[in-house]
């Protein structure tokens, strides 16, 4: 199938299916590498550790999170 055929068929899809297809196509263009993902997680972990060290946020225990999640599910 050539691009024009795909385009013509896609434009005849219902709006929600066109939106889903558009999202998938856009995500396929901007997929980060494993290294970028790892770097992003390391940066985020470092940022959160600094926030805790500077007293900007208070850590929450895993047990407290579990209890709150269970309460929300009830």
PDB file of N, CA and C in Angstrom:
ATOM      1  N   UNK A   1       0.844  -1.175   0.000  1.00  0.00           N
ATOM      2  CA  UNK A   1       0.000   0.000   0.000  1.00  0.00           C
ATOM      3  C   UNK A   1       0.890   1.238   0.000  1.00  0.00           C
ATOM      4  N   UNK A   2       0.570   2.192  -0.800  1.00  0.00           N
ATOM      5  CA  UNK A   2       1.387   3.405  -0.827  1.00  0.00           C
ATOM      6  C   UNK A   2       0.820   4.429   0.147  1.00  0.00           C
ATOM      7  N   UNK A   3       1.611   5.425   0.435  1.00  0.00           N
ATOM      8  CA  UNK A   3       1.251   6.420   1.439  1.00  0.00           C
ATOM      9  C   UNK A   3      -0.109   7.061   1.178  1.00  0.00           C
ATOM     10  N   UNK A   4      -0.395   7.446  -0.042  1.00  0.00           N
ATOM     11  CA  UNK A   4      -1.676   8.112  -0.341  1.00  0.00           C
ATOM     12  C   UNK A   4      -2.863   7.202  -0.028  1.00  0.00           C
ATOM     13  N   UNK A   5      -2.717   5.904  -0.282  1.00  0.00           N
ATOM     14  CA  UNK A   5      -3.792   4.966   0.023  1.00  0.00           C
ATOM     15  C   UNK A   5      -3.996   4.849   1.536  1.00  0.00           C
ATOM     16  N   UNK A   6      -2.890   4.752   2.251  1.00  0.00           N
ATOM     17  CA  UNK A   6      -2.972   4.664   3.712  1.00  0.00           C
ATOM     18  C   UNK A   6      -3.617   5.932   4.270  1.00  0.00           C
ATOM     19  N   UNK A   7      -3.189   7.069   3.756  1.00  0.00           N
ATOM     20  CA  UNK A   7      -3.735   8.353   4.204  1.00  0.00           C
ATOM     21  C   UNK A   7      -5.237   8.424   3.948  1.00  0.00           C
ATOM     22  N   UNK A   8      -5.656   8.038   2.756  1.00  0.00           N
ATOM     23  CA  UNK A   8      -7.074   8.099   2.406  1.00  0.00           C
ATOM     24  C   UNK A   8      -7.900   7.198   3.322  1.00  0.00           C
ATOM     25  N   UNK A   9      -7.395   6.009   3.588  1.00  0.00           N
ATOM     26  CA  UNK A   9      -8.130   5.091   4.455  1.00  0.00           C
ATOM     27  C   UNK A   9      -8.151   5.592   5.898  1.00  0.00           C
ATOM     28  N   UNK A  10      -7.031   6.126   6.360  1.00  0.00           N
ATOM     29  CA  UNK A  10      -6.954   6.626   7.732  1.00  0.00           C
ATOM     30  C   UNK A  10      -7.913   7.795   7.948  1.00  0.00           C
ATOM     31  N   UNK A  11      -8.054   8.653   6.957  1.00  0.00           N
ATOM     32  CA  UNK A  11      -8.940   9.811   7.096  1.00  0.00           C
ATOM     33  C   UNK A  11     -10.414   9.416   7.146  1.00  0.00           C
ATOM     34  N   UNK A  12     -10.729   8.204   6.764  1.00  0.00           N
ATOM     35  CA  UNK A  12     -12.108   7.730   6.828  1.00  0.00           C
ATOM     36  C   UNK A  12     -12.418   6.969   8.117  1.00  0.00           C
ATOM     37  N   UNK A  13     -11.432   6.844   8.992  1.00  0.00           N
ATOM     38  CA  UNK A  13     -11.646   6.193  10.280  1.00  0.00           C
ATOM     39  C   UNK A  13     -12.473   7.108  11.179  1.00  0.00           C
ATOM     40  N   UNK A  14     -13.169   6.532  12.149  1.00  0.00           N
ATOM     41  CA  UNK A  14     -13.861   7.366  13.137  1.00  0.00           C
ATOM     42  C   UNK A  14     -12.852   8.229  13.901  1.00  0.00           C
ATOM     43  N   UNK A  15     -13.319   9.325  14.437  1.00  0.00           N
ATOM     44  CA  UNK A  15     -12.437  10.292  15.084  1.00  0.00           C
ATOM     45  C   UNK A  15     -11.568   9.670  16.168  1.00  0.00           C
ATOM     46  N   UNK A  16     -12.147   8.833  17.026  1.00  0.00           N
ATOM     47  CA  UNK A  16     -11.363   8.240  18.111  1.00  0.00           C
ATOM     48  C   UNK A  16     -10.266   7.325  17.578  1.00  0.00           C
ATOM     49  N   UNK A  17     -10.528   6.617  16.487  1.00  0.00           N
ATOM     50  CA  UNK A  17      -9.509   5.751  15.899  1.00  0.00           C
ATOM     51  C   UNK A  17      -8.420   6.568  15.207  1.00  0.00           C
ATOM     52  N   UNK A  18      -8.799   7.690  14.594  1.00  0.00           N
ATOM     53  CA  UNK A  18      -7.796   8.573  13.994  1.00  0.00           C
ATOM     54  C   UNK A  18      -6.882   9.150  15.075  1.00  0.00           C
ATOM     55  N   UNK A  19      -7.487   9.528  16.202  1.00  0.00           N
ATOM     56  CA  UNK A  19      -6.699  10.077  17.310  1.00  0.00           C
ATOM     57  C   UNK A  19      -5.729   9.027  17.847  1.00  0.00           C
ATOM     58  N   UNK A  20      -6.201   7.811  17.997  1.00  0.00           N
ATOM     59  CA  UNK A  20      -5.339   6.729  18.487  1.00  0.00           C
ATOM     60  C   UNK A  20      -4.184   6.471  17.509  1.00  0.00           C
ATOM     61  N   UNK A  21      -4.496   6.444  16.222  1.00  0.00           N
ATOM     62  CA  UNK A  21      -3.468   6.236  15.206  1.00  0.00           C
ATOM     63  C   UNK A  21      -2.459   7.385  15.216  1.00  0.00           C
ATOM     64  N   UNK A  22      -2.958   8.610  15.315  1.00  0.00           N
ATOM     65  CA  UNK A  22      -2.067   9.776  15.343  1.00  0.00           C
ATOM     66  C   UNK A  22      -1.124   9.706  16.539  1.00  0.00           C
ATOM     67  N   UNK A  23      -1.657   9.326  17.691  1.00  0.00           N
ATOM     68  CA  UNK A  23      -0.827   9.217  18.889  1.00  0.00           C
ATOM     69  C   UNK A  23       0.262   8.165  18.694  1.00  0.00           C
ATOM     70  N   UNK A  24      -0.103   7.022  18.148  1.00  0.00           N
ATOM     71  CA  UNK A  24       0.877   5.961  17.924  1.00  0.00           C
ATOM     72  C   UNK A  24       1.955   6.407  16.937  1.00  0.00           C
ATOM     73  N   UNK A  25       1.553   7.100  15.886  1.00  0.00           N
ATOM     74  CA  UNK A  25       2.526   7.575  14.911  1.00  0.00           C
ATOM     75  C   UNK A  25       3.485   8.595  15.523  1.00  0.00           C
ATOM     76  N   UNK A  26       2.938   9.523  16.307  1.00  0.00           N
ATOM     77  CA  UNK A  26       3.785  10.527  16.942  1.00  0.00           C
ATOM     78  C   UNK A  26       4.757   9.893  17.936  1.00  0.00           C
ATOM     79  N   UNK A  27       4.262   8.942  18.718  1.00  0.00           N
ATOM     80  CA  UNK A  27       5.135   8.274  19.672  1.00  0.00           C
ATOM     81  C   UNK A  27       6.243   7.497  18.975  1.00  0.00           C
ATOM     82  N   UNK A  28       5.957   6.974  17.802  1.00  0.00           N
ATOM     83  CA  UNK A  28       6.966   6.204  17.075  1.00  0.00           C
ATOM     84  C   UNK A  28       8.104   7.099  16.581  1.00  0.00           C
ATOM     85  N   UNK A  29       7.858   8.393  16.472  1.00  0.00           N
ATOM     86  CA  UNK A  29       8.884   9.322  16.008  1.00  0.00           C
ATOM     87  C   UNK A  29       9.798   9.786  17.126  1.00  0.00           C
ATOM     88  N   UNK A  30       9.323   9.705  18.351  1.00  0.00           N
ATOM     89  CA  UNK A  30      10.063  10.276  19.465  1.00  0.00           C
ATOM     90  C   UNK A  30      10.326   9.244  20.549  1.00  0.00           C
ATOM     91  N   UNK A  31      10.717   8.045  20.173  1.00  0.00           N
ATOM     92  CA  UNK A  31      11.009   7.010  21.160  1.00  0.00           C
ATOM     93  C   UNK A  31      12.428   7.180  21.668  1.00  0.00           C
ATOM     94  N   UNK A  32      12.572   7.400  22.981  1.00  0.00           N
ATOM     95  CA  UNK A  32      13.917   7.569  23.524  1.00  0.00           C
ATOM     96  C   UNK A  32      14.674   6.239  23.538  1.00  0.00           C
ATOM     97  N   UNK A  33      15.979   6.328  23.485  1.00  0.00           N
ATOM     98  CA  UNK A  33      16.819   5.132  23.551  1.00  0.00           C
ATOM     99  C   UNK A  33      16.855   4.622  24.991  1.00  0.00           C
ATOM    100  N   UNK A  34      17.331   3.397  25.169  1.00  0.00           N
ATOM    101  CA  UNK A  34      17.469   2.840  26.519  1.00  0.00           C
ATOM    102  C   UNK A  34      18.383   3.713  27.367  1.00  0.00           C
ATOM    103  N   UNK A  35      19.437   4.227  26.742  1.00  0.00           N
ATOM    104  CA  UNK A  35      20.375   5.093  27.463  1.00  0.00           C
ATOM    105  C   UNK A  35      19.692   6.390  27.902  1.00  0.00           C
ATOM    106  N   UNK A  36      18.871   6.974  27.038  1.00  0.00           N
ATOM    107  CA  UNK A  36      18.152   8.205  27.396  1.00  0.00           C
ATOM    108  C   UNK A  36      17.180   7.943  28.543  1.00  0.00           C
ATOM    109  N   UNK A  37      16.509   6.818  28.489  1.00  0.00           N
ATOM    110  CA  UNK A  37      15.566   6.458  29.559  1.00  0.00           C
ATOM    111  C   UNK A  37      16.316   6.300  30.871  1.00  0.00           C
ATOM    112  N   UNK A  38      17.439   5.599  30.829  1.00  0.00           N
ATOM    113  CA  UNK A  38      18.255   5.397  32.025  1.00  0.00           C
ATOM    114  C   UNK A  38      18.748   6.734  32.582  1.00  0.00           C
ATOM    115  N   UNK A  39      19.225   7.601  31.707  1.00  0.00           N
ATOM    116  CA  UNK A  39      19.689   8.926  32.128  1.00  0.00           C
ATOM    117  C   UNK A  39      18.561   9.739  32.758  1.00  0.00           C
ATOM    118  N   UNK A  40      17.373   9.666  32.160  1.00  0.00           N
ATOM    119  CA  UNK A  40      16.215  10.402  32.693  1.00  0.00           C
ATOM    120  C   UNK A  40      15.841   9.903  34.085  1.00  0.00           C
ATOM    121  N   UNK A  41      15.851   8.581  34.278  1.00  0.00           N
ATOM    122  CA  UNK A  41      15.527   8.018  35.594  1.00  0.00           C
ATOM    123  C   UNK A  41      16.574   8.413  36.625  1.00  0.00           C
ATOM    124  N   UNK A  42      17.846   8.391  36.240  1.00  0.00           N
ATOM    125  CA  UNK A  42      18.912   8.780  37.148  1.00  0.00           C
ATOM    126  C   UNK A  42      18.769  10.252  37.542  1.00  0.00           C
ATOM    127  N   UNK A  43      18.461  11.107  36.575  1.00  0.00           N
ATOM    128  CA  UNK A  43      18.246  12.525  36.849  1.00  0.00           C
ATOM    129  C   UNK A  43      17.074  12.709  37.810  1.00  0.00           C
ATOM    130  N   UNK A  44      15.977  12.004  37.563  1.00  0.00           N
ATOM    131  CA  UNK A  44      14.783  12.130  38.415  1.00  0.00           C
ATOM    132  C   UNK A  44      15.066  11.633  39.831  1.00  0.00           C
ATOM    133  N   UNK A  45      15.767  10.515  39.957  1.00  0.00           N
ATOM    134  CA  UNK A  45      16.112   9.995  41.285  1.00  0.00           C
ATOM    135  C   UNK A  45      16.988  10.988  42.037  1.00  0.00           C
ATOM    136  N   UNK A  46      17.947  11.579  41.346  1.00  0.00           N
ATOM    137  CA  UNK A  46      18.830  12.571  41.954  1.00  0.00           C
ATOM    138  C   UNK A  46      18.041  13.801  42.397  1.00  0.00           C
ATOM    139  N   UNK A  47      17.128  14.257  41.546  1.00  0.00           N
ATOM    140  CA  UNK A  47      16.306  15.425  41.880  1.00  0.00           C
ATOM    141  C   UNK A  47      15.465  15.154  43.123  1.00  0.00           C
ATOM    142  N   UNK A  48      14.861  13.964  43.174  1.00  0.00           N
ATOM    143  CA  UNK A  48      14.024  13.627  44.325  1.00  0.00           C
ATOM    144  C   UNK A  48      14.843  13.502  45.602  1.00  0.00           C
ATOM    145  N   UNK A  49      16.038  12.928  45.489  1.00  0.00           N
ATOM    146  CA  UNK A  49      16.915  12.807  46.662  1.00  0.00           C
ATOM    147  C   UNK A  49      17.291  14.189  47.184  1.00  0.00           C
ATOM    148  N   UNK A  50      17.598  15.115  46.290  1.00  0.00           N
ATOM    149  CA  UNK A  50      17.929  16.480  46.701  1.00  0.00           C
ATOM    150  C   UNK A  50      16.742  17.148  47.388  1.00  0.00           C
ATOM    151  N   UNK A  51      15.524  16.929  46.853  1.00  0.00           N
ATOM    152  CA  UNK A  51      14.329  17.504  47.472  1.00  0.00           C
ATOM    153  C   UNK A  51      14.155  16.985  48.899  1.00  0.00           C
ATOM    154  N   UNK A  52      14.421  15.697  49.102  1.00  0.00           N
ATOM    155  CA  UNK A  52      14.322  15.124  50.449  1.00  0.00           C
ATOM    156  C   UNK A  52      15.416  15.713  51.335  1.00  0.00           C
ATOM    157  N   UNK A  53      16.660  15.728  50.841  1.00  0.00           N
ATOM    158  CA  UNK A  53      17.783  16.263  51.621  1.00  0.00           C
ATOM    159  C   UNK A  53      17.568  17.722  52.007  1.00  0.00           C
ATOM    160  N   UNK A  54      16.938  18.501  51.130  1.00  0.00           N
ATOM    161  CA  UNK A  54      16.689  19.924  51.399  1.00  0.00           C
ATOM    162  C   UNK A  54      15.410  20.169  52.188  1.00  0.00           C
ATOM    163  N   UNK A  55      14.711  19.092  52.558  1.00  0.00           N
ATOM    164  CA  UNK A  55      13.500  19.222  53.356  1.00  0.00           C
ATOM    165  C   UNK A  55      12.306  19.750  52.579  1.00  0.00           C
ATOM    166  N   UNK A  56      12.374  19.709  51.245  1.00  0.00           N
ATOM    167  CA  UNK A  56      11.264  20.212  50.428  1.00  0.00           C
ATOM    168  C   UNK A  56      10.094  19.236  50.396  1.00  0.00           C
ATOM    169  N   UNK A  57      10.394  17.968  50.579  1.00  0.00           N
ATOM    170  CA  UNK A  57       9.347  16.927  50.615  1.00  0.00           C
ATOM    171  C   UNK A  57       9.683  15.951  51.723  1.00  0.00           C
ATOM    172  N   UNK A  58       8.670  15.272  52.200  1.00  0.00           N
ATOM    173  CA  UNK A  58       8.854  14.256  53.227  1.00  0.00           C
ATOM    174  C   UNK A  58       8.620  12.884  52.606  1.00  0.00           C
ATOM    175  N   UNK A  59       9.524  11.946  52.845  1.00  0.00           N
ATOM    176  CA  UNK A  59       9.318  10.605  52.290  1.00  0.00           C
ATOM    177  C   UNK A  59       8.135   9.917  52.957  1.00  0.00           C
ATOM    178  N   UNK A  60       7.519   9.034  52.213  1.00  0.00           N
ATOM    179  CA  UNK A  60       6.384   8.254  52.710  1.00  0.00           C
ATOM    180  C   UNK A  60       6.787   6.793  52.642  1.00  0.00           C
ATOM    181  N   UNK A  61       6.536   6.079  53.721  1.00  0.00           N
ATOM    182  CA  UNK A  61       6.922   4.668  53.750  1.00  0.00           C
ATOM    183  C   UNK A  61       6.058   3.856  52.787  1.00  0.00           C
ATOM    184  N   UNK A  62       6.620   2.753  52.330  1.00  0.00           N
ATOM    185  CA  UNK A  62       5.888   1.859  51.427  1.00  0.00           C
ATOM    186  C   UNK A  62       4.610   1.352  52.103  1.00  0.00           C
ATOM    187  N   UNK A  63       4.686   1.105  53.397  1.00  0.00           N
ATOM    188  CA  UNK A  63       3.505   0.622  54.132  1.00  0.00           C
ATOM    189  C   UNK A  63       2.390   1.664  54.118  1.00  0.00           C
ATOM    190  N   UNK A  64       2.731   2.919  54.318  1.00  0.00           N
ATOM    191  CA  UNK A  64       1.727   3.984  54.300  1.00  0.00           C
ATOM    192  C   UNK A  64       1.091   4.107  52.906  1.00  0.00           C
ATOM    193  N   UNK A  65       1.900   4.017  51.878  1.00  0.00           N
ATOM    194  CA  UNK A  65       1.390   4.073  50.513  1.00  0.00           C
ATOM    195  C   UNK A  65       0.443   2.908  50.265  1.00  0.00           C
ATOM    196  N   UNK A  66       0.845   1.713  50.710  1.00  0.00           N
ATOM    197  CA  UNK A  66       0.005   0.524  50.521  1.00  0.00           C
ATOM    198  C   UNK A  66      -1.345   0.692  51.221  1.00  0.00           C
ATOM    199  N   UNK A  67      -1.324   1.194  52.449  1.00  0.00           N
ATOM    200  CA  UNK A  67      -2.577   1.382  53.193  1.00  0.00           C
ATOM    201  C   UNK A  67      -3.482   2.416  52.521  1.00  0.00           C
ATOM    202  N   UNK A  68      -2.892   3.502  52.024  1.00  0.00           N
ATOM    203  CA  UNK A  68      -3.692   4.522  51.339  1.00  0.00           C
ATOM    204  C   UNK A  68      -4.275   3.964  50.045  1.00  0.00           C
ATOM    205  N   UNK A  69      -3.497   3.176  49.328  1.00  0.00           N
ATOM    206  CA  UNK A  69      -3.990   2.578  48.076  1.00  0.00           C
ATOM    207  C   UNK A  69      -5.131   1.615  48.358  1.00  0.00           C
ATOM    208  N   UNK A  70      -4.984   0.809  49.398  1.00  0.00           N
ATOM    209  CA  UNK A  70      -6.053  -0.121  49.762  1.00  0.00           C
ATOM    210  C   UNK A  70      -7.321   0.620  50.162  1.00  0.00           C
ATOM    211  N   UNK A  71      -7.171   1.723  50.868  1.00  0.00           N
ATOM    212  CA  UNK A  71      -8.340   2.517  51.279  1.00  0.00           C
ATOM    213  C   UNK A  71      -9.050   3.097  50.064  1.00  0.00           C
ATOM    214  N   UNK A  72      -8.293   3.502  49.063  1.00  0.00           N
ATOM    215  CA  UNK A  72      -8.898   4.051  47.850  1.00  0.00           C
ATOM    216  C   UNK A  72      -9.655   2.988  47.059  1.00  0.00           C
ATOM    217  N   UNK A  73      -9.221   1.765  47.158  1.00  0.00           N
ATOM    218  CA  UNK A  73      -9.850   0.676  46.417  1.00  0.00           C
ATOM    219  C   UNK A  73     -11.132   0.159  47.077  1.00  0.00           C
ATOM    220  N   UNK A  74     -11.365   0.569  48.289  1.00  0.00           N
ATOM    221  CA  UNK A  74     -12.573   0.111  49.012  1.00  0.00           C
ATOM    222  C   UNK A  74     -13.775   0.904  48.633  1.00  0.00           C
TER     223      UNK A  74
END
